[in-house]
Amino acid sequence: MIKVSVLYPNQEGKTFNMDYYLNTHMPMVAARLTPACKGISVEQGISGGLRGTAPAYLALAHLLFDSVQAFESAFVSHASEIMADIPNYTAIEPILQVSEVKM
């Protein structure tokens, strides 16, 4: 199992429209990547490691796939549509990480 994480760093002066992300963007992503995508979770950063500090990331999304190939096959035909929607909820350039789930 692999996890594709999409991380939106907390950058000064940048905003993130969580309502749009949850109610428009992520449902579109889920619809395009089904059935290859086995699960999705979204997190909103609320604090850094010390109380009162800013979170490192404003938002994080995690998508589960059986393999890197399953992710790439599902994503490639919808990548331009998914990426084109980013300016509708943020000006932050997301960081993508692919990880192998160990536990």
PDB file of N, CA and C in Angstrom:
ATOM      1  N   MET A   1       0.855  -1.175   0.000  1.00  0.00           N
ATOM      2  CA  MET A   1       0.000   0.000   0.000  1.00  0.00           C
ATOM      3  C   MET A   1       0.894   1.228   0.000  1.00  0.00           C
ATOM      4  N   ILE A   2       0.517   2.227  -0.789  1.00  0.00           N
ATOM      5  CA  ILE A   2       1.252   3.492  -0.778  1.00  0.00           C
ATOM      6  C   ILE A   2       0.315   4.627  -0.390  1.00  0.00           C
ATOM      7  N   LYS A   3       0.914   5.663   0.161  1.00  0.00           N
ATOM      8  CA  LYS A   3       0.170   6.864   0.530  1.00  0.00           C
ATOM      9  C   LYS A   3       0.744   8.025  -0.256  1.00  0.00           C
ATOM     10  N   VAL A   4      -0.115   8.749  -0.939  1.00  0.00           N
ATOM     11  CA  VAL A   4       0.266   9.972  -1.621  1.00  0.00           C
ATOM     12  C   VAL A   4      -0.172  11.121  -0.714  1.00  0.00           C
ATOM     13  N   SER A   5       0.792  11.877  -0.227  1.00  0.00           N
ATOM     14  CA  SER A   5       0.504  13.005   0.654  1.00  0.00           C
ATOM     15  C   SER A   5       0.678  14.302  -0.121  1.00  0.00           C
ATOM     16  N   VAL A   6      -0.288  15.183   0.022  1.00  0.00           N
ATOM     17  CA  VAL A   6      -0.242  16.502  -0.601  1.00  0.00           C
ATOM     18  C   VAL A   6      -0.201  17.501   0.546  1.00  0.00           C
ATOM     19  N   LEU A   7       0.907  18.224   0.657  1.00  0.00           N
ATOM     20  CA  LEU A   7       1.157  19.103   1.795  1.00  0.00           C
ATOM     21  C   LEU A   7       1.148  20.562   1.341  1.00  0.00           C
ATOM     22  N   TYR A   8       0.435  21.385   2.066  1.00  0.00           N
ATOM     23  CA  TYR A   8       0.342  22.813   1.756  1.00  0.00           C
ATOM     24  C   TYR A   8       1.035  23.596   2.864  1.00  0.00           C
ATOM     25  N   PRO A   9       2.307  24.004   2.647  1.00  0.00           N
ATOM     26  CA  PRO A   9       3.064  24.708   3.677  1.00  0.00           C
ATOM     27  C   PRO A   9       2.388  26.012   4.109  1.00  0.00           C
ATOM     28  N   ASN A  10       2.552  26.312   5.381  1.00  0.00           N
ATOM     29  CA  ASN A  10       2.042  27.560   5.945  1.00  0.00           C
ATOM     30  C   ASN A  10       3.014  28.670   5.539  1.00  0.00           C
ATOM     31  N   GLN A  11       2.605  29.482   4.582  1.00  0.00           N
ATOM     32  CA  GLN A  11       3.460  30.550   4.070  1.00  0.00           C
ATOM     33  C   GLN A  11       2.841  31.906   4.380  1.00  0.00           C
ATOM     34  N   GLU A  12       3.685  32.811   4.822  1.00  0.00           N
ATOM     35  CA  GLU A  12       3.227  34.148   5.202  1.00  0.00           C
ATOM     36  C   GLU A  12       2.436  34.808   4.071  1.00  0.00           C
ATOM     37  N   GLY A  13       1.262  35.310   4.410  1.00  0.00           N
ATOM     38  CA  GLY A  13       0.422  36.024   3.457  1.00  0.00           C
ATOM     39  C   GLY A  13      -0.405  35.126   2.549  1.00  0.00           C
ATOM     40  N   LYS A  14      -0.251  33.811   2.656  1.00  0.00           N
ATOM     41  CA  LYS A  14      -1.009  32.886   1.811  1.00  0.00           C
ATOM     42  C   LYS A  14      -2.190  32.333   2.608  1.00  0.00           C
ATOM     43  N   THR A  15      -3.275  32.081   1.915  1.00  0.00           N
ATOM     44  CA  THR A  15      -4.470  31.551   2.552  1.00  0.00           C
ATOM     45  C   THR A  15      -4.842  30.213   1.933  1.00  0.00           C
ATOM     46  N   PHE A  16      -5.751  29.523   2.592  1.00  0.00           N
ATOM     47  CA  PHE A  16      -6.228  28.223   2.136  1.00  0.00           C
ATOM     48  C   PHE A  16      -7.718  28.156   2.424  1.00  0.00           C
ATOM     49  N   ASN A  17      -8.529  27.963   1.381  1.00  0.00           N
ATOM     50  CA  ASN A  17      -9.979  27.894   1.537  1.00  0.00           C
ATOM     51  C   ASN A  17     -10.381  26.438   1.807  1.00  0.00           C
ATOM     52  N   MET A  18     -10.437  26.080   3.082  1.00  0.00           N
ATOM     53  CA  MET A  18     -10.732  24.710   3.472  1.00  0.00           C
ATOM     54  C   MET A  18     -12.142  24.291   3.055  1.00  0.00           C
ATOM     55  N   ASP A  19     -13.095  25.196   3.107  1.00  0.00           N
ATOM     56  CA  ASP A  19     -14.461  24.870   2.704  1.00  0.00           C
ATOM     57  C   ASP A  19     -14.499  24.420   1.236  1.00  0.00           C
ATOM     58  N   TYR A  20     -13.863  25.185   0.360  1.00  0.00           N
ATOM     59  CA  TYR A  20     -13.813  24.805  -1.054  1.00  0.00           C
ATOM     60  C   TYR A  20     -13.078  23.475  -1.219  1.00  0.00           C
ATOM     61  N   TYR A  21     -11.979  23.312  -0.513  1.00  0.00           N
ATOM     62  CA  TYR A  21     -11.170  22.099  -0.623  1.00  0.00           C
ATOM     63  C   TYR A  21     -11.981  20.855  -0.251  1.00  0.00           C
ATOM     64  N   LEU A  22     -12.696  20.950   0.878  1.00  0.00           N
ATOM     65  CA  LEU A  22     -13.465  19.804   1.362  1.00  0.00           C
ATOM     66  C   LEU A  22     -14.718  19.527   0.532  1.00  0.00           C
ATOM     67  N   ASN A  23     -15.387  20.579   0.090  1.00  0.00           N
ATOM     68  CA  ASN A  23     -16.693  20.417  -0.539  1.00  0.00           C
ATOM     69  C   ASN A  23     -16.681  20.399  -2.062  1.00  0.00           C
ATOM     70  N   THR A  24     -15.584  20.845  -2.671  1.00  0.00           N
ATOM     71  CA  THR A  24     -15.520  20.878  -4.132  1.00  0.00           C
ATOM     72  C   THR A  24     -14.302  20.119  -4.666  1.00  0.00           C
ATOM     73  N   HIS A  25     -13.118  20.530  -4.229  1.00  0.00           N
ATOM     74  CA  HIS A  25     -11.902  19.934  -4.797  1.00  0.00           C
ATOM     75  C   HIS A  25     -11.762  18.443  -4.475  1.00  0.00           C
ATOM     76  N   MET A  26     -11.812  18.095  -3.209  1.00  0.00           N
ATOM     77  CA  MET A  26     -11.583  16.697  -2.844  1.00  0.00           C
ATOM     78  C   MET A  26     -12.674  15.755  -3.358  1.00  0.00           C
ATOM     79  N   PRO A  27     -13.945  16.146  -3.385  1.00  0.00           N
ATOM     80  CA  PRO A  27     -14.927  15.268  -4.028  1.00  0.00           C
ATOM     81  C   PRO A  27     -14.628  15.045  -5.516  1.00  0.00           C
ATOM     82  N   MET A  28     -14.137  16.083  -6.203  1.00  0.00           N
ATOM     83  CA  MET A  28     -13.752  15.936  -7.606  1.00  0.00           C
ATOM     84  C   MET A  28     -12.571  14.969  -7.731  1.00  0.00           C
ATOM     85  N   VAL A  29     -11.564  15.123  -6.873  1.00  0.00           N
ATOM     86  CA  VAL A  29     -10.408  14.235  -6.884  1.00  0.00           C
ATOM     87  C   VAL A  29     -10.858  12.795  -6.636  1.00  0.00           C
ATOM     88  N   ALA A  30     -11.685  12.587  -5.638  1.00  0.00           N
ATOM     89  CA  ALA A  30     -12.166  11.243  -5.321  1.00  0.00           C
ATOM     90  C   ALA A  30     -12.907  10.635  -6.502  1.00  0.00           C
ATOM     91  N   ALA A  31     -13.754  11.413  -7.148  1.00  0.00           N
ATOM     92  CA  ALA A  31     -14.515  10.905  -8.292  1.00  0.00           C
ATOM     93  C   ALA A  31     -13.600  10.515  -9.443  1.00  0.00           C
ATOM     94  N   ARG A  32     -12.554  11.288  -9.678  1.00  0.00           N
ATOM     95  CA  ARG A  32     -11.652  11.010 -10.798  1.00  0.00           C
ATOM     96  C   ARG A  32     -10.734   9.820 -10.520  1.00  0.00           C
ATOM     97  N   LEU A  33     -10.343   9.621  -9.275  1.00  0.00           N
ATOM     98  CA  LEU A  33      -9.357   8.594  -8.954  1.00  0.00           C
ATOM     99  C   LEU A  33      -9.964   7.263  -8.506  1.00  0.00           C
ATOM    100  N   THR A  34     -11.276   7.213  -8.368  1.00  0.00           N
ATOM    101  CA  THR A  34     -11.956   5.965  -8.034  1.00  0.00           C
ATOM    102  C   THR A  34     -11.983   5.080  -9.265  1.00  0.00           C
ATOM    103  N   PRO A  35     -11.772   3.803  -9.173  1.00  0.00           N
ATOM    104  CA  PRO A  35     -11.667   2.951  -7.978  1.00  0.00           C
ATOM    105  C   PRO A  35     -10.241   2.730  -7.481  1.00  0.00           C
ATOM    106  N   ALA A  36      -9.239   3.319  -8.128  1.00  0.00           N
ATOM    107  CA  ALA A  36      -7.842   3.089  -7.720  1.00  0.00           C
ATOM    108  C   ALA A  36      -7.559   3.623  -6.318  1.00  0.00           C
ATOM    109  N   CYS A  37      -8.172   4.742  -5.974  1.00  0.00           N
ATOM    110  CA  CYS A  37      -7.953   5.351  -4.655  1.00  0.00           C
ATOM    111  C   CYS A  37      -8.761   4.578  -3.616  1.00  0.00           C
ATOM    112  N   LYS A  38      -8.073   4.064  -2.614  1.00  0.00           N
ATOM    113  CA  LYS A  38      -8.693   3.214  -1.594  1.00  0.00           C
ATOM    114  C   LYS A  38      -9.139   3.970  -0.351  1.00  0.00           C
ATOM    115  N   GLY A  39      -8.705   5.223  -0.226  1.00  0.00           N
ATOM    116  CA  GLY A  39      -9.090   6.018   0.936  1.00  0.00           C
ATOM    117  C   GLY A  39      -8.482   7.401   0.865  1.00  0.00           C
ATOM    118  N   ILE A  40      -9.193   8.356   1.472  1.00  0.00           N
ATOM    119  CA  ILE A  40      -8.736   9.754   1.496  1.00  0.00           C
ATOM    120  C   ILE A  40      -8.953  10.305   2.896  1.00  0.00           C
ATOM    121  N   SER A  41      -7.981  11.070   3.366  1.00  0.00           N
ATOM    122  CA  SER A  41      -8.168  11.839   4.590  1.00  0.00           C
ATOM    123  C   SER A  41      -7.607  13.236   4.366  1.00  0.00           C
ATOM    124  N   VAL A  42      -8.201  14.200   5.045  1.00  0.00           N
ATOM    125  CA  VAL A  42      -7.768  15.598   4.959  1.00  0.00           C
ATOM    126  C   VAL A  42      -7.587  16.111   6.375  1.00  0.00           C
ATOM    127  N   GLU A  43      -6.485  16.830   6.575  1.00  0.00           N
ATOM    128  CA  GLU A  43      -6.177  17.408   7.882  1.00  0.00           C
ATOM    129  C   GLU A  43      -5.981  18.913   7.730  1.00  0.00           C
ATOM    130  N   GLN A  44      -6.353  19.648   8.766  1.00  0.00           N
ATOM    131  CA  GLN A  44      -6.105  21.087   8.806  1.00  0.00           C
ATOM    132  C   GLN A  44      -5.150  21.370   9.946  1.00  0.00           C
ATOM    133  N   GLY A  45      -4.016  22.007   9.629  1.00  0.00           N
ATOM    134  CA  GLY A  45      -3.042  22.341  10.658  1.00  0.00           C
ATOM    135  C   GLY A  45      -3.595  23.376  11.621  1.00  0.00           C
ATOM    136  N   ILE A  46      -3.395  23.134  12.914  1.00  0.00           N
ATOM    137  CA  ILE A  46      -3.899  24.080  13.906  1.00  0.00           C
ATOM    138  C   ILE A  46      -2.795  24.626  14.818  1.00  0.00           C
ATOM    139  N   SER A  47      -1.652  23.937  14.867  1.00  0.00           N
ATOM    140  CA  SER A  47      -0.577  24.387  15.745  1.00  0.00           C
ATOM    141  C   SER A  47       0.721  23.696  15.374  1.00  0.00           C
ATOM    142  N   GLY A  48       1.816  24.315  15.763  1.00  0.00           N
ATOM    143  CA  GLY A  48       3.115  23.672  15.645  1.00  0.00           C
ATOM    144  C   GLY A  48       3.318  22.745  16.832  1.00  0.00           C
ATOM    145  N   GLY A  49       4.535  22.239  16.999  1.00  0.00           N
ATOM    146  CA  GLY A  49       4.827  21.315  18.081  1.00  0.00           C
ATOM    147  C   GLY A  49       4.725  21.933  19.463  1.00  0.00           C
ATOM    148  N   LEU A  50       4.952  23.237  19.545  1.00  0.00           N
ATOM    149  CA  LEU A  50       4.827  23.936  20.820  1.00  0.00           C
ATOM    150  C   LEU A  50       3.544  24.753  20.825  1.00  0.00           C
ATOM    151  N   ARG A  51       2.880  24.746  21.935  1.00  0.00           N
ATOM    152  CA  ARG A  51       1.628  25.488  22.073  1.00  0.00           C
ATOM    153  C   ARG A  51       1.828  26.947  21.669  1.00  0.00           C
ATOM    154  N   GLY A  52       0.905  27.429  20.848  1.00  0.00           N
ATOM    155  CA  GLY A  52       0.948  28.813  20.425  1.00  0.00           C
ATOM    156  C   GLY A  52       1.791  29.080  19.187  1.00  0.00           C
ATOM    157  N   THR A  53       2.451  28.054  18.650  1.00  0.00           N
ATOM    158  CA  THR A  53       3.225  28.254  17.427  1.00  0.00           C
ATOM    159  C   THR A  53       2.381  27.898  16.209  1.00  0.00           C
ATOM    160  N   ALA A  54       2.756  28.458  15.089  1.00  0.00           N
ATOM    161  CA  ALA A  54       2.002  28.234  13.852  1.00  0.00           C
ATOM    162  C   ALA A  54       2.267  26.826  13.318  1.00  0.00           C
ATOM    163  N   PRO A  55       1.265  26.229  12.676  1.00  0.00           N
ATOM    164  CA  PRO A  55       1.482  24.908  12.086  1.00  0.00           C
ATOM    165  C   PRO A  55       2.437  24.999  10.896  1.00  0.00           C
ATOM    166  N   ALA A  56       3.180  23.938  10.646  1.00  0.00           N
ATOM    167  CA  ALA A  56       4.083  23.899   9.494  1.00  0.00           C
ATOM    168  C   ALA A  56       3.292  23.834   8.190  1.00  0.00           C
ATOM    169  N   TYR A  57       2.110  23.223   8.247  1.00  0.00           N
ATOM    170  CA  TYR A  57       1.260  23.057   7.060  1.00  0.00           C
ATOM    171  C   TYR A  57      -0.150  23.519   7.377  1.00  0.00           C
ATOM    172  N   LEU A  58      -0.745  24.261   6.445  1.00  0.00           N
ATOM    173  CA  LEU A  58      -2.133  24.685   6.616  1.00  0.00           C
ATOM    174  C   LEU A  58      -3.089  23.536   6.360  1.00  0.00           C
ATOM    175  N   ALA A  59      -2.733  22.670   5.427  1.00  0.00           N
ATOM    176  CA  ALA A  59      -3.586  21.528   5.098  1.00  0.00           C
ATOM    177  C   ALA A  59      -2.724  20.378   4.593  1.00  0.00           C
ATOM    178  N   LEU A  60      -3.230  19.170   4.808  1.00  0.00           N
ATOM    179  CA  LEU A  60      -2.582  17.955   4.335  1.00  0.00           C
ATOM    180  C   LEU A  60      -3.676  17.016   3.839  1.00  0.00           C
ATOM    181  N   ALA A  61      -3.435  16.407   2.704  1.00  0.00           N
ATOM    182  CA  ALA A  61      -4.351  15.389   2.186  1.00  0.00           C
ATOM    183  C   ALA A  61      -3.553  14.115   1.977  1.00  0.00           C
ATOM    184  N   HIS A  62      -4.173  12.990   2.281  1.00  0.00           N
ATOM    185  CA  HIS A  62      -3.515  11.697   2.138  1.00  0.00           C
ATOM    186  C   HIS A  62      -4.438  10.773   1.356  1.00  0.00           C
ATOM    187  N   LEU A  63      -3.897  10.179   0.302  1.00  0.00           N
ATOM    188  CA  LEU A  63      -4.668   9.281  -0.550  1.00  0.00           C
ATOM    189  C   LEU A  63      -3.965   7.934  -0.587  1.00  0.00           C
ATOM    190  N   LEU A  64      -4.711   6.862  -0.433  1.00  0.00           N
ATOM    191  CA  LEU A  64      -4.157   5.517  -0.403  1.00  0.00           C
ATOM    192  C   LEU A  64      -4.404   4.786  -1.720  1.00  0.00           C
ATOM    193  N   PHE A  65      -3.370   4.087  -2.184  1.00  0.00           N
ATOM    194  CA  PHE A  65      -3.428   3.300  -3.410  1.00  0.00           C
ATOM    195  C   PHE A  65      -2.705   1.978  -3.170  1.00  0.00           C
ATOM    196  N   ASP A  66      -3.025   0.974  -3.966  1.00  0.00           N
ATOM    197  CA  ASP A  66      -2.361  -0.323  -3.841  1.00  0.00           C
ATOM    198  C   ASP A  66      -0.895  -0.258  -4.244  1.00  0.00           C
ATOM    199  N   SER A  67      -0.556   0.622  -5.199  1.00  0.00           N
ATOM    200  CA  SER A  67       0.815   0.704  -5.694  1.00  0.00           C
ATOM    201  C   SER A  67       1.056   2.064  -6.336  1.00  0.00           C
ATOM    202  N   VAL A  68       2.331   2.360  -6.580  1.00  0.00           N
ATOM    203  CA  VAL A  68       2.683   3.594  -7.290  1.00  0.00           C
ATOM    204  C   VAL A  68       2.082   3.550  -8.689  1.00  0.00           C
ATOM    205  N   GLN A  69       2.150   2.398  -9.316  1.00  0.00           N
ATOM    206  CA  GLN A  69       1.576   2.259 -10.659  1.00  0.00           C
ATOM    207  C   GLN A  69       0.072   2.524 -10.660  1.00  0.00           C
ATOM    208  N   ALA A  70      -0.635   2.057  -9.645  1.00  0.00           N
ATOM    209  CA  ALA A  70      -2.084   2.306  -9.562  1.00  0.00           C
ATOM    210  C   ALA A  70      -2.358   3.805  -9.436  1.00  0.00           C
ATOM    211  N   PHE A  71      -1.556   4.493  -8.608  1.00  0.00           N
ATOM    212  CA  PHE A  71      -1.704   5.946  -8.480  1.00  0.00           C
ATOM    213  C   PHE A  71      -1.427   6.633  -9.808  1.00  0.00           C
ATOM    214  N   GLU A  72      -0.292   6.332 -10.414  1.00  0.00           N
ATOM    215  CA  GLU A  72       0.080   6.996 -11.662  1.00  0.00           C
ATOM    216  C   GLU A  72      -0.942   6.749 -12.758  1.00  0.00           C
ATOM    217  N   SER A  73      -1.435   5.528 -12.880  1.00  0.00           N
ATOM    218  CA  SER A  73      -2.431   5.210 -13.910  1.00  0.00           C
ATOM    219  C   SER A  73      -3.718   5.994 -13.706  1.00  0.00           C
ATOM    220  N   ALA A  74      -4.139   6.124 -12.454  1.00  0.00           N
ATOM    221  CA  ALA A  74      -5.374   6.860 -12.164  1.00  0.00           C
ATOM    222  C   ALA A  74      -5.190   8.366 -12.334  1.00  0.00           C
ATOM    223  N   PHE A  75      -4.023   8.871 -11.933  1.00  0.00           N
ATOM    224  CA  PHE A  75      -3.792  10.313 -11.895  1.00  0.00           C
ATOM    225  C   PHE A  75      -3.495  10.917 -13.262  1.00  0.00           C
ATOM    226  N   VAL A  76      -2.763  10.204 -14.096  1.00  0.00           N
ATOM    227  CA  VAL A  76      -2.240  10.786 -15.333  1.00  0.00           C
ATOM    228  C   VAL A  76      -3.335  11.378 -16.226  1.00  0.00           C
ATOM    229  N   SER A  77      -4.450  10.717 -16.360  1.00  0.00           N
ATOM    230  CA  SER A  77      -5.477  11.217 -17.271  1.00  0.00           C
ATOM    231  C   SER A  77      -6.298  12.363 -16.675  1.00  0.00           C
ATOM    232  N   HIS A  78      -6.145  12.622 -15.377  1.00  0.00           N
ATOM    233  CA  HIS A  78      -6.910  13.694 -14.727  1.00  0.00           C
ATOM    234  C   HIS A  78      -6.016  14.775 -14.119  1.00  0.00           C
ATOM    235  N   ALA A  79      -4.717  14.635 -14.274  1.00  0.00           N
ATOM    236  CA  ALA A  79      -3.765  15.547 -13.623  1.00  0.00           C
ATOM    237  C   ALA A  79      -4.017  17.005 -13.976  1.00  0.00           C
ATOM    238  N   SER A  80      -4.229  17.305 -15.241  1.00  0.00           N
ATOM    239  CA  SER A  80      -4.398  18.710 -15.627  1.00  0.00           C
ATOM    240  C   SER A  80      -5.650  19.313 -15.008  1.00  0.00           C
ATOM    241  N   GLU A  81      -6.725  18.556 -14.948  1.00  0.00           N
ATOM    242  CA  GLU A  81      -7.968  19.054 -14.332  1.00  0.00           C
ATOM    243  C   GLU A  81      -7.789  19.267 -12.826  1.00  0.00           C
ATOM    244  N   ILE A  82      -7.168  18.313 -12.169  1.00  0.00           N
ATOM    245  CA  ILE A  82      -6.950  18.418 -10.725  1.00  0.00           C
ATOM    246  C   ILE A  82      -6.030  19.589 -10.402  1.00  0.00           C
ATOM    247  N   MET A  83      -4.932  19.704 -11.125  1.00  0.00           N
ATOM    248  CA  MET A  83      -3.977  20.787 -10.874  1.00  0.00           C
ATOM    249  C   MET A  83      -4.557  22.153 -11.222  1.00  0.00           C
ATOM    250  N   ALA A  84      -5.381  22.225 -12.251  1.00  0.00           N
ATOM    251  CA  ALA A  84      -5.983  23.500 -12.666  1.00  0.00           C
ATOM    252  C   ALA A  84      -6.945  24.050 -11.619  1.00  0.00           C
ATOM    253  N   ASP A  85      -7.435  23.201 -10.726  1.00  0.00           N
ATOM    254  CA  ASP A  85      -8.380  23.642  -9.705  1.00  0.00           C
ATOM    255  C   ASP A  85      -7.691  24.259  -8.491  1.00  0.00           C
ATOM    256  N   ILE A  86      -6.392  24.060  -8.335  1.00  0.00           N
ATOM    257  CA  ILE A  86      -5.676  24.551  -7.156  1.00  0.00           C
ATOM    258  C   ILE A  86      -5.868  26.053  -6.923  1.00  0.00           C
ATOM    259  N   PRO A  87      -5.763  26.917  -7.934  1.00  0.00           N
ATOM    260  CA  PRO A  87      -5.938  28.351  -7.683  1.00  0.00           C
ATOM    261  C   PRO A  87      -7.316  28.733  -7.131  1.00  0.00           C
ATOM    262  N   ASN A  88      -8.276  27.836  -7.202  1.00  0.00           N
ATOM    263  CA  ASN A  88      -9.600  28.113  -6.653  1.00  0.00           C
ATOM    264  C   ASN A  88      -9.640  28.055  -5.127  1.00  0.00           C
ATOM    265  N   TYR A  89      -8.616  27.451  -4.508  1.00  0.00           N
ATOM    266  CA  TYR A  89      -8.618  27.393  -3.044  1.00  0.00           C
ATOM    267  C   TYR A  89      -7.325  27.880  -2.390  1.00  0.00           C
ATOM    268  N   THR A  90      -6.237  28.041  -3.167  1.00  0.00           N
ATOM    269  CA  THR A  90      -5.004  28.548  -2.561  1.00  0.00           C
ATOM    270  C   THR A  90      -4.003  28.986  -3.623  1.00  0.00           C
ATOM    271  N   ALA A  91      -3.069  29.829  -3.200  1.00  0.00           N
ATOM    272  CA  ALA A  91      -1.932  30.206  -4.048  1.00  0.00           C
ATOM    273  C   ALA A  91      -0.675  29.463  -3.611  1.00  0.00           C
ATOM    274  N   ILE A  92      -0.820  28.568  -2.645  1.00  0.00           N
ATOM    275  CA  ILE A  92       0.306  27.791  -2.143  1.00  0.00           C
ATOM    276  C   ILE A  92       0.604  26.652  -3.118  1.00  0.00           C
ATOM    277  N   GLU A  93       1.871  26.495  -3.465  1.00  0.00           N
ATOM    278  CA  GLU A  93       2.267  25.368  -4.314  1.00  0.00           C
ATOM    279  C   GLU A  93       2.399  24.130  -3.430  1.00  0.00           C
ATOM    280  N   PRO A  94       1.607  23.098  -3.700  1.00  0.00           N
ATOM    281  CA  PRO A  94       1.644  21.921  -2.837  1.00  0.00           C
ATOM    282  C   PRO A  94       2.927  21.104  -3.013  1.00  0.00           C
ATOM    283  N   ILE A  95       3.283  20.417  -1.956  1.00  0.00           N
ATOM    284  CA  ILE A  95       4.399  19.470  -1.959  1.00  0.00           C
ATOM    285  C   ILE A  95       3.780  18.079  -2.013  1.00  0.00           C
ATOM    286  N   LEU A  96       4.249  17.268  -2.922  1.00  0.00           N
ATOM    287  CA  LEU A  96       3.734  15.906  -3.074  1.00  0.00           C
ATOM    288  C   LEU A  96       4.773  14.917  -2.572  1.00  0.00           C
ATOM    289  N   GLN A  97       4.325  13.956  -1.770  1.00  0.00           N
ATOM    290  CA  GLN A  97       5.218  12.894  -1.322  1.00  0.00           C
ATOM    291  C   GLN A  97       4.508  11.560  -1.473  1.00  0.00           C
ATOM    292  N   VAL A  98       5.225  10.582  -2.020  1.00  0.00           N
ATOM    293  CA  VAL A  98       4.714   9.228  -2.134  1.00  0.00           C
ATOM    294  C   VAL A  98       5.476   8.383  -1.118  1.00  0.00           C
ATOM    295  N   SER A  99       4.730   7.676  -0.261  1.00  0.00           N
ATOM    296  CA  SER A  99       5.343   6.873   0.804  1.00  0.00           C
ATOM    297  C   SER A  99       4.805   5.456   0.762  1.00  0.00           C
ATOM    298  N   GLU A 100       5.625   4.532   1.201  1.00  0.00           N
ATOM    299  CA  GLU A 100       5.154   3.160   1.382  1.00  0.00           C
ATOM    300  C   GLU A 100       4.649   3.019   2.807  1.00  0.00           C
ATOM    301  N   VAL A 101       3.409   2.590   2.956  1.00  0.00           N
ATOM    302  CA  VAL A 101       2.822   2.414   4.280  1.00  0.00           C
ATOM    303  C   VAL A 101       3.398   1.145   4.890  1.00  0.00           C
ATOM    304  N   LYS A 102       3.980   1.280   6.056  1.00  0.00           N
ATOM    305  CA  LYS A 102       4.621   0.157   6.740  1.00  0.00           C
ATOM    306  C   LYS A 102       3.784  -0.404   7.881  1.00  0.00           C
ATOM    307  N   MET A 103       2.900   0.396   8.413  1.00  0.00           N
ATOM    308  CA  MET A 103       2.110  -0.052   9.549  1.00  0.00           C
ATOM    309  C   MET A 103       0.757   0.612   9.557  1.00  0.00           C
TER     310      MET A 103
END
